[in-house]
């Protein structure tokens, strides 16, 4: 039968010390391993929360985005069709309508009225007036000479200088073909006249000429 060795008192002390040291080291390693596991678990939880928070977006849950209303673009225009048409008056037309559309809406030009002095393809604007068959005055020679029909200057009524053609402008007192073309060219370059007095800005429009025609124009 195997017999256990006999240790002296000093040997026993060394053995007990070694066992105690081994137990202490084991306890230390066990404690450290538990701490690392808890730290790893906390880091994983923080990363998960971060990803979850990011996936929810940068806006708070109770925030509603501000909506900006789009500008309202008019879809219709109102124009005044005057002159020698079947039904002169105010008409509401779709945005982008042309002069031909306005004349058609008014019933068309009266029989015998030419439309050659109107740009039928002109795109109309809101508030514009379209005059069909501008007034023409028939003058006669004096001193007993035979009468002669001709295209004269208007003696009554007015012409809209924002819609008048070159031919219509020529019917103004003191305005010839060159000045009529300058009036239309100025309007094309600078936009519609804001007032009748703006006619004086047209090249060659002297003070006396403007005084003679200002009562026969309108905007």
C-alpha atoms as a PDB file:
ATOM      1  CA  UNK A   1       0.000   0.000   0.000  1.00  0.00           C
ATOM      2  CA  UNK A   2       1.236   3.473  -1.010  1.00  0.00           C
ATOM      3  CA  UNK A   3       2.316   5.624   1.846  1.00  0.00           C
ATOM      4  CA  UNK A   4       2.142   9.402   1.784  1.00  0.00           C
ATOM      5  CA  UNK A   5       5.454  11.082   2.203  1.00  0.00           C
ATOM      6  CA  UNK A   6       6.180  12.740   5.499  1.00  0.00           C
ATOM      7  CA  UNK A   7       6.991  16.470   5.305  1.00  0.00           C
ATOM      8  CA  UNK A   8       8.737  18.457   7.859  1.00  0.00           C
ATOM      9  CA  UNK A   9       7.177  21.503   9.419  1.00  0.00           C
ATOM     10  CA  UNK A  10       9.105  23.909   7.168  1.00  0.00           C
ATOM     11  CA  UNK A  11       8.198  21.938   4.022  1.00  0.00           C
ATOM     12  CA  UNK A  12       4.553  22.049   4.938  1.00  0.00           C
ATOM     13  CA  UNK A  13       4.718  25.842   5.287  1.00  0.00           C
ATOM     14  CA  UNK A  14       6.194  26.166   1.804  1.00  0.00           C
ATOM     15  CA  UNK A  15       3.477  23.945   0.334  1.00  0.00           C
ATOM     16  CA  UNK A  16       0.702  25.915   2.040  1.00  0.00           C
ATOM     17  CA  UNK A  17       2.175  29.187   0.809  1.00  0.00           C
ATOM     18  CA  UNK A  18       2.362  27.907  -2.781  1.00  0.00           C
ATOM     19  CA  UNK A  19      -1.256  26.746  -2.655  1.00  0.00           C
ATOM     20  CA  UNK A  20      -2.438  30.083  -1.282  1.00  0.00           C
ATOM     21  CA  UNK A  21      -0.505  31.931  -3.958  1.00  0.00           C
ATOM     22  CA  UNK A  22      -1.991  29.761  -6.705  1.00  0.00           C
ATOM     23  CA  UNK A  23      -5.513  30.347  -5.358  1.00  0.00           C
ATOM     24  CA  UNK A  24      -4.909  34.149  -5.255  1.00  0.00           C
ATOM     25  CA  UNK A  25      -3.586  34.239  -8.837  1.00  0.00           C
ATOM     26  CA  UNK A  26      -6.544  32.196 -10.048  1.00  0.00           C
ATOM     27  CA  UNK A  27      -8.993  34.535  -8.325  1.00  0.00           C
ATOM     28  CA  UNK A  28      -7.251  37.530  -9.908  1.00  0.00           C
ATOM     29  CA  UNK A  29      -7.474  36.085 -13.425  1.00  0.00           C
ATOM     30  CA  UNK A  30     -11.122  35.170 -12.878  1.00  0.00           C
ATOM     31  CA  UNK A  31     -11.952  38.740 -11.786  1.00  0.00           C
ATOM     32  CA  UNK A  32     -10.128  40.258 -14.742  1.00  0.00           C
ATOM     33  CA  UNK A  33     -11.889  37.991 -17.238  1.00  0.00           C
ATOM     34  CA  UNK A  34     -15.327  38.957 -15.865  1.00  0.00           C
ATOM     35  CA  UNK A  35     -14.478  42.676 -16.137  1.00  0.00           C
ATOM     36  CA  UNK A  36     -13.394  42.364 -19.807  1.00  0.00           C
ATOM     37  CA  UNK A  37     -16.580  40.493 -20.681  1.00  0.00           C
ATOM     38  CA  UNK A  38     -18.762  43.217 -19.089  1.00  0.00           C
ATOM     39  CA  UNK A  39     -16.817  45.949 -20.909  1.00  0.00           C
ATOM     40  CA  UNK A  40     -17.249  44.185 -24.250  1.00  0.00           C
ATOM     41  CA  UNK A  41     -20.982  43.786 -23.651  1.00  0.00           C
ATOM     42  CA  UNK A  42     -21.357  47.501 -22.778  1.00  0.00           C
ATOM     43  CA  UNK A  43     -19.457  48.543 -25.923  1.00  0.00           C
ATOM     44  CA  UNK A  44     -21.668  46.363 -28.082  1.00  0.00           C
ATOM     45  CA  UNK A  45     -24.765  47.881 -26.508  1.00  0.00           C
ATOM     46  CA  UNK A  46     -23.520  51.439 -27.116  1.00  0.00           C
ATOM     47  CA  UNK A  47     -22.738  50.665 -30.753  1.00  0.00           C
ATOM     48  CA  UNK A  48     -26.184  49.140 -31.200  1.00  0.00           C
ATOM     49  CA  UNK A  49     -27.858  52.202 -29.718  1.00  0.00           C
ATOM     50  CA  UNK A  50     -25.781  54.470 -31.953  1.00  0.00           C
ATOM     51  CA  UNK A  51     -26.769  52.564 -35.083  1.00  0.00           C
ATOM     52  CA  UNK A  52     -30.413  52.531 -33.987  1.00  0.00           C
ATOM     53  CA  UNK A  53     -30.323  56.270 -33.318  1.00  0.00           C
ATOM     54  CA  UNK A  54     -28.712  56.957 -36.690  1.00  0.00           C
ATOM     55  CA  UNK A  55     -31.261  54.842 -38.531  1.00  0.00           C
ATOM     56  CA  UNK A  56     -34.054  56.973 -37.107  1.00  0.00           C
ATOM     57  CA  UNK A  57     -32.778  60.041 -38.996  1.00  0.00           C
ATOM     58  CA  UNK A  58     -31.428  63.372 -37.870  1.00  0.00           C
ATOM     59  CA  UNK A  59     -34.859  64.897 -37.195  1.00  0.00           C
ATOM     60  CA  UNK A  60     -36.545  64.514 -33.792  1.00  0.00           C
ATOM     61  CA  UNK A  61     -39.563  62.254 -33.879  1.00  0.00           C
ATOM     62  CA  UNK A  62     -41.889  65.130 -32.973  1.00  0.00           C
ATOM     63  CA  UNK A  63     -40.587  67.511 -35.678  1.00  0.00           C
ATOM     64  CA  UNK A  64     -42.739  68.119 -38.775  1.00  0.00           C
ATOM     65  CA  UNK A  65     -40.908  69.456 -41.915  1.00  0.00           C
ATOM     66  CA  UNK A  66     -42.048  72.905 -43.031  1.00  0.00           C
ATOM     67  CA  UNK A  67     -43.929  72.857 -46.327  1.00  0.00           C
ATOM     68  CA  UNK A  68     -43.404  75.811 -48.713  1.00  0.00           C
ATOM     69  CA  UNK A  69     -46.373  76.586 -50.927  1.00  0.00           C
ATOM     70  CA  UNK A  70     -45.594  76.750 -54.637  1.00  0.00           C
ATOM     71  CA  UNK A  71     -46.386  80.071 -56.355  1.00  0.00           C
ATOM     72  CA  UNK A  72     -49.734  80.180 -58.113  1.00  0.00           C
ATOM     73  CA  UNK A  73     -49.313  80.813 -61.827  1.00  0.00           C
ATOM     74  CA  UNK A  74     -52.369  82.378 -63.517  1.00  0.00           C
ATOM     75  CA  UNK A  75     -53.890  80.132 -66.167  1.00  0.00           C
ATOM     76  CA  UNK A  76     -56.082  82.787 -67.778  1.00  0.00           C
ATOM     77  CA  UNK A  77     -55.805  86.385 -68.975  1.00  0.00           C
ATOM     78  CA  UNK A  78     -58.413  89.121 -69.457  1.00  0.00           C
ATOM     79  CA  UNK A  79     -58.279  91.188 -72.650  1.00  0.00           C
ATOM     80  CA  UNK A  80     -60.371  93.960 -74.172  1.00  0.00           C
ATOM     81  CA  UNK A  81     -61.351  93.447 -77.799  1.00  0.00           C
ATOM     82  CA  UNK A  82     -62.514  96.741 -79.284  1.00  0.00           C
ATOM     83  CA  UNK A  83     -63.187  98.213 -82.686  1.00  0.00           C
ATOM     84  CA  UNK A  84     -64.884  96.643 -85.655  1.00  0.00           C
ATOM     85  CA  UNK A  85     -65.742  93.180 -84.368  1.00  0.00           C
ATOM     86  CA  UNK A  86     -69.100  91.479 -84.013  1.00  0.00           C
ATOM     87  CA  UNK A  87     -69.136  91.524 -80.213  1.00  0.00           C
ATOM     88  CA  UNK A  88     -66.663  94.018 -78.686  1.00  0.00           C
ATOM     89  CA  UNK A  89     -66.034  93.507 -74.987  1.00  0.00           C
ATOM     90  CA  UNK A  90     -63.969  91.922 -72.242  1.00  0.00           C
ATOM     91  CA  UNK A  91     -62.941  88.311 -72.715  1.00  0.00           C
ATOM     92  CA  UNK A  92     -61.206  85.762 -70.494  1.00  0.00           C
ATOM     93  CA  UNK A  93     -58.822  83.594 -72.479  1.00  0.00           C
ATOM     94  CA  UNK A  94     -56.293  80.868 -71.618  1.00  0.00           C
ATOM     95  CA  UNK A  95     -52.755  81.991 -70.821  1.00  0.00           C
ATOM     96  CA  UNK A  96     -50.705  82.093 -74.040  1.00  0.00           C
ATOM     97  CA  UNK A  97     -53.634  83.010 -76.315  1.00  0.00           C
ATOM     98  CA  UNK A  98     -52.853  84.978 -79.454  1.00  0.00           C
ATOM     99  CA  UNK A  99     -54.538  87.935 -81.114  1.00  0.00           C
ATOM    100  CA  UNK A 100     -56.350  85.606 -83.515  1.00  0.00           C
ATOM    101  CA  UNK A 101     -57.932  83.811 -80.534  1.00  0.00           C
ATOM    102  CA  UNK A 102     -59.231  87.075 -79.080  1.00  0.00           C
ATOM    103  CA  UNK A 103     -60.764  88.161 -82.386  1.00  0.00           C
ATOM    104  CA  UNK A 104     -62.398  84.755 -82.772  1.00  0.00           C
ATOM    105  CA  UNK A 105     -63.837  84.998 -79.244  1.00  0.00           C
ATOM    106  CA  UNK A 106     -65.403  88.364 -80.113  1.00  0.00           C
ATOM    107  CA  UNK A 107     -67.206  86.900 -83.110  1.00  0.00           C
ATOM    108  CA  UNK A 108     -64.641  87.938 -85.704  1.00  0.00           C
ATOM    109  CA  UNK A 109     -64.086  91.157 -87.626  1.00  0.00           C
ATOM    110  CA  UNK A 110     -67.009  92.849 -89.338  1.00  0.00           C
ATOM    111  CA  UNK A 111     -67.498  92.237 -93.022  1.00  0.00           C
ATOM    112  CA  UNK A 112     -65.033  94.161 -95.135  1.00  0.00           C
ATOM    113  CA  UNK A 113     -62.629  94.929 -92.272  1.00  0.00           C
ATOM    114  CA  UNK A 114     -59.060  93.933 -93.083  1.00  0.00           C
ATOM    115  CA  UNK A 115     -56.818  92.441 -90.416  1.00  0.00           C
ATOM    116  CA  UNK A 116     -53.546  93.088 -92.211  1.00  0.00           C
ATOM    117  CA  UNK A 117     -52.513  95.757 -89.695  1.00  0.00           C
ATOM    118  CA  UNK A 118     -52.810  93.322 -86.756  1.00  0.00           C
ATOM    119  CA  UNK A 119     -50.243  90.706 -85.873  1.00  0.00           C
ATOM    120  CA  UNK A 120     -52.595  87.765 -85.454  1.00  0.00           C
ATOM    121  CA  UNK A 121     -49.780  85.639 -84.026  1.00  0.00           C
ATOM    122  CA  UNK A 122     -49.039  88.089 -81.191  1.00  0.00           C
ATOM    123  CA  UNK A 123     -49.191  86.475 -77.737  1.00  0.00           C
ATOM    124  CA  UNK A 124     -51.548  88.547 -75.585  1.00  0.00           C
ATOM    125  CA  UNK A 125     -50.892  89.695 -72.029  1.00  0.00           C
ATOM    126  CA  UNK A 126     -53.298  90.211 -69.166  1.00  0.00           C
ATOM    127  CA  UNK A 127     -55.080  93.583 -69.397  1.00  0.00           C
ATOM    128  CA  UNK A 128     -54.171  94.159 -73.034  1.00  0.00           C
ATOM    129  CA  UNK A 129     -56.547  95.920 -75.437  1.00  0.00           C
ATOM    130  CA  UNK A 130     -56.819  94.800 -79.035  1.00  0.00           C
ATOM    131  CA  UNK A 131     -58.328  97.292 -81.513  1.00  0.00           C
ATOM    132  CA  UNK A 132     -59.641  95.877 -84.759  1.00  0.00           C
ATOM    133  CA  UNK A 133     -59.979  98.342 -87.648  1.00  0.00           C
ATOM    134  CA  UNK A 134     -58.314 101.489 -86.268  1.00  0.00           C
ATOM    135  CA  UNK A 135     -60.213 104.683 -87.133  1.00  0.00           C
ATOM    136  CA  UNK A 136     -59.465 106.065 -90.566  1.00  0.00           C
ATOM    137  CA  UNK A 137     -60.576 109.549 -91.556  1.00  0.00           C
ATOM    138  CA  UNK A 138     -61.476 110.372 -95.143  1.00  0.00           C
ATOM    139  CA  UNK A 139     -60.274 113.850 -96.004  1.00  0.00           C
ATOM    140  CA  UNK A 140     -61.110 115.991 -99.032  1.00  0.00           C
ATOM    141  CA  UNK A 141     -59.161 118.664-100.845  1.00  0.00           C
ATOM    142  CA  UNK A 142     -60.195 122.280-100.346  1.00  0.00           C
ATOM    143  CA  UNK A 143     -60.658 125.268-102.640  1.00  0.00           C
ATOM    144  CA  UNK A 144     -63.288 123.540-104.769  1.00  0.00           C
ATOM    145  CA  UNK A 145     -61.042 120.722-105.920  1.00  0.00           C
ATOM    146  CA  UNK A 146     -62.544 117.294-106.440  1.00  0.00           C
ATOM    147  CA  UNK A 147     -62.798 115.075-103.408  1.00  0.00           C
ATOM    148  CA  UNK A 148     -60.135 112.458-102.941  1.00  0.00           C
ATOM    149  CA  UNK A 149     -60.363 109.580-100.525  1.00  0.00           C
ATOM    150  CA  UNK A 150     -57.134 108.917 -98.639  1.00  0.00           C
ATOM    151  CA  UNK A 151     -55.896 107.551 -95.372  1.00  0.00           C
ATOM    152  CA  UNK A 152     -55.726 110.592 -93.089  1.00  0.00           C
ATOM    153  CA  UNK A 153     -54.907 111.369 -89.493  1.00  0.00           C
ATOM    154  CA  UNK A 154     -57.415 110.681 -86.747  1.00  0.00           C
ATOM    155  CA  UNK A 155     -59.351 113.655 -85.456  1.00  0.00           C
ATOM    156  CA  UNK A 156     -61.228 111.837 -82.700  1.00  0.00           C
ATOM    157  CA  UNK A 157     -60.780 108.785 -80.575  1.00  0.00           C
ATOM    158  CA  UNK A 158     -57.537 107.399 -79.249  1.00  0.00           C
ATOM    159  CA  UNK A 159     -55.026 104.692 -80.131  1.00  0.00           C
ATOM    160  CA  UNK A 160     -53.479 102.358 -77.567  1.00  0.00           C
ATOM    161  CA  UNK A 161     -49.733 102.875 -77.998  1.00  0.00           C
ATOM    162  CA  UNK A 162     -48.977  99.576 -76.259  1.00  0.00           C
ATOM    163  CA  UNK A 163     -50.812  97.504 -78.881  1.00  0.00           C
ATOM    164  CA  UNK A 164     -50.814  99.745 -81.970  1.00  0.00           C
ATOM    165  CA  UNK A 165     -49.056  98.577 -85.104  1.00  0.00           C
ATOM    166  CA  UNK A 166     -46.817 100.751 -87.257  1.00  0.00           C
ATOM    167  CA  UNK A 167     -49.748 101.468 -89.578  1.00  0.00           C
ATOM    168  CA  UNK A 168     -51.934 102.564 -86.662  1.00  0.00           C
ATOM    169  CA  UNK A 169     -49.207 104.810 -85.257  1.00  0.00           C
ATOM    170  CA  UNK A 170     -48.948 106.524 -88.641  1.00  0.00           C
ATOM    171  CA  UNK A 171     -52.520 107.766 -88.174  1.00  0.00           C
ATOM    172  CA  UNK A 172     -51.416 109.979 -85.277  1.00  0.00           C
ATOM    173  CA  UNK A 173     -51.001 113.688 -86.094  1.00  0.00           C
ATOM    174  CA  UNK A 174     -47.444 114.530 -87.120  1.00  0.00           C
ATOM    175  CA  UNK A 175     -46.316 110.884 -87.193  1.00  0.00           C
ATOM    176  CA  UNK A 176     -44.937 109.450 -90.412  1.00  0.00           C
ATOM    177  CA  UNK A 177     -43.683 106.016 -91.328  1.00  0.00           C
ATOM    178  CA  UNK A 178     -40.253 106.578 -89.759  1.00  0.00           C
ATOM    179  CA  UNK A 179     -41.587 107.883 -86.432  1.00  0.00           C
ATOM    180  CA  UNK A 180     -44.265 105.169 -86.307  1.00  0.00           C
ATOM    181  CA  UNK A 181     -41.566 102.523 -86.724  1.00  0.00           C
ATOM    182  CA  UNK A 182     -39.504 104.166 -83.954  1.00  0.00           C
ATOM    183  CA  UNK A 183     -42.476 104.071 -81.573  1.00  0.00           C
ATOM    184  CA  UNK A 184     -43.005 100.351 -82.118  1.00  0.00           C
ATOM    185  CA  UNK A 185     -39.256  99.654 -81.957  1.00  0.00           C
ATOM    186  CA  UNK A 186     -38.947 101.550 -78.647  1.00  0.00           C
ATOM    187  CA  UNK A 187     -41.836  99.541 -77.202  1.00  0.00           C
ATOM    188  CA  UNK A 188     -40.242  96.271 -78.324  1.00  0.00           C
ATOM    189  CA  UNK A 189     -36.901  97.219 -76.754  1.00  0.00           C
ATOM    190  CA  UNK A 190     -38.145  98.706 -73.453  1.00  0.00           C
ATOM    191  CA  UNK A 191     -41.523  97.049 -72.911  1.00  0.00           C
ATOM    192  CA  UNK A 192     -44.944  98.658 -72.781  1.00  0.00           C
ATOM    193  CA  UNK A 193     -45.206 102.389 -72.173  1.00  0.00           C
ATOM    194  CA  UNK A 194     -45.989 103.103 -68.531  1.00  0.00           C
ATOM    195  CA  UNK A 195     -47.615 106.447 -69.342  1.00  0.00           C
ATOM    196  CA  UNK A 196     -48.466 108.573 -72.353  1.00  0.00           C
ATOM    197  CA  UNK A 197     -45.619 110.955 -71.482  1.00  0.00           C
ATOM    198  CA  UNK A 198     -43.135 108.121 -72.108  1.00  0.00           C
ATOM    199  CA  UNK A 199     -43.677 108.752 -75.830  1.00  0.00           C
ATOM    200  CA  UNK A 200     -41.421 111.783 -75.472  1.00  0.00           C
ATOM    201  CA  UNK A 201     -38.521 109.358 -74.872  1.00  0.00           C
ATOM    202  CA  UNK A 202     -38.761 108.037 -78.434  1.00  0.00           C
ATOM    203  CA  UNK A 203     -35.944 109.304 -80.616  1.00  0.00           C
ATOM    204  CA  UNK A 204     -37.052 112.296 -82.710  1.00  0.00           C
ATOM    205  CA  UNK A 205     -40.218 112.908 -80.691  1.00  0.00           C
ATOM    206  CA  UNK A 206     -39.994 116.674 -80.192  1.00  0.00           C
ATOM    207  CA  UNK A 207     -42.033 118.650 -77.700  1.00  0.00           C
ATOM    208  CA  UNK A 208     -44.342 120.151 -80.302  1.00  0.00           C
ATOM    209  CA  UNK A 209     -44.979 116.805 -82.009  1.00  0.00           C
ATOM    210  CA  UNK A 210     -45.785 115.171 -78.681  1.00  0.00           C
ATOM    211  CA  UNK A 211     -48.170 118.027 -77.802  1.00  0.00           C
ATOM    212  CA  UNK A 212     -50.074 117.511 -81.075  1.00  0.00           C
ATOM    213  CA  UNK A 213     -50.624 113.791 -80.628  1.00  0.00           C
ATOM    214  CA  UNK A 214     -50.839 113.240 -76.860  1.00  0.00           C
ATOM    215  CA  UNK A 215     -54.628 113.688 -76.838  1.00  0.00           C
ATOM    216  CA  UNK A 216     -55.024 110.883 -79.388  1.00  0.00           C
ATOM    217  CA  UNK A 217     -53.137 108.169 -77.542  1.00  0.00           C
ATOM    218  CA  UNK A 218     -53.770 106.066 -74.451  1.00  0.00           C
ATOM    219  CA  UNK A 219     -52.269 103.112 -72.573  1.00  0.00           C
END
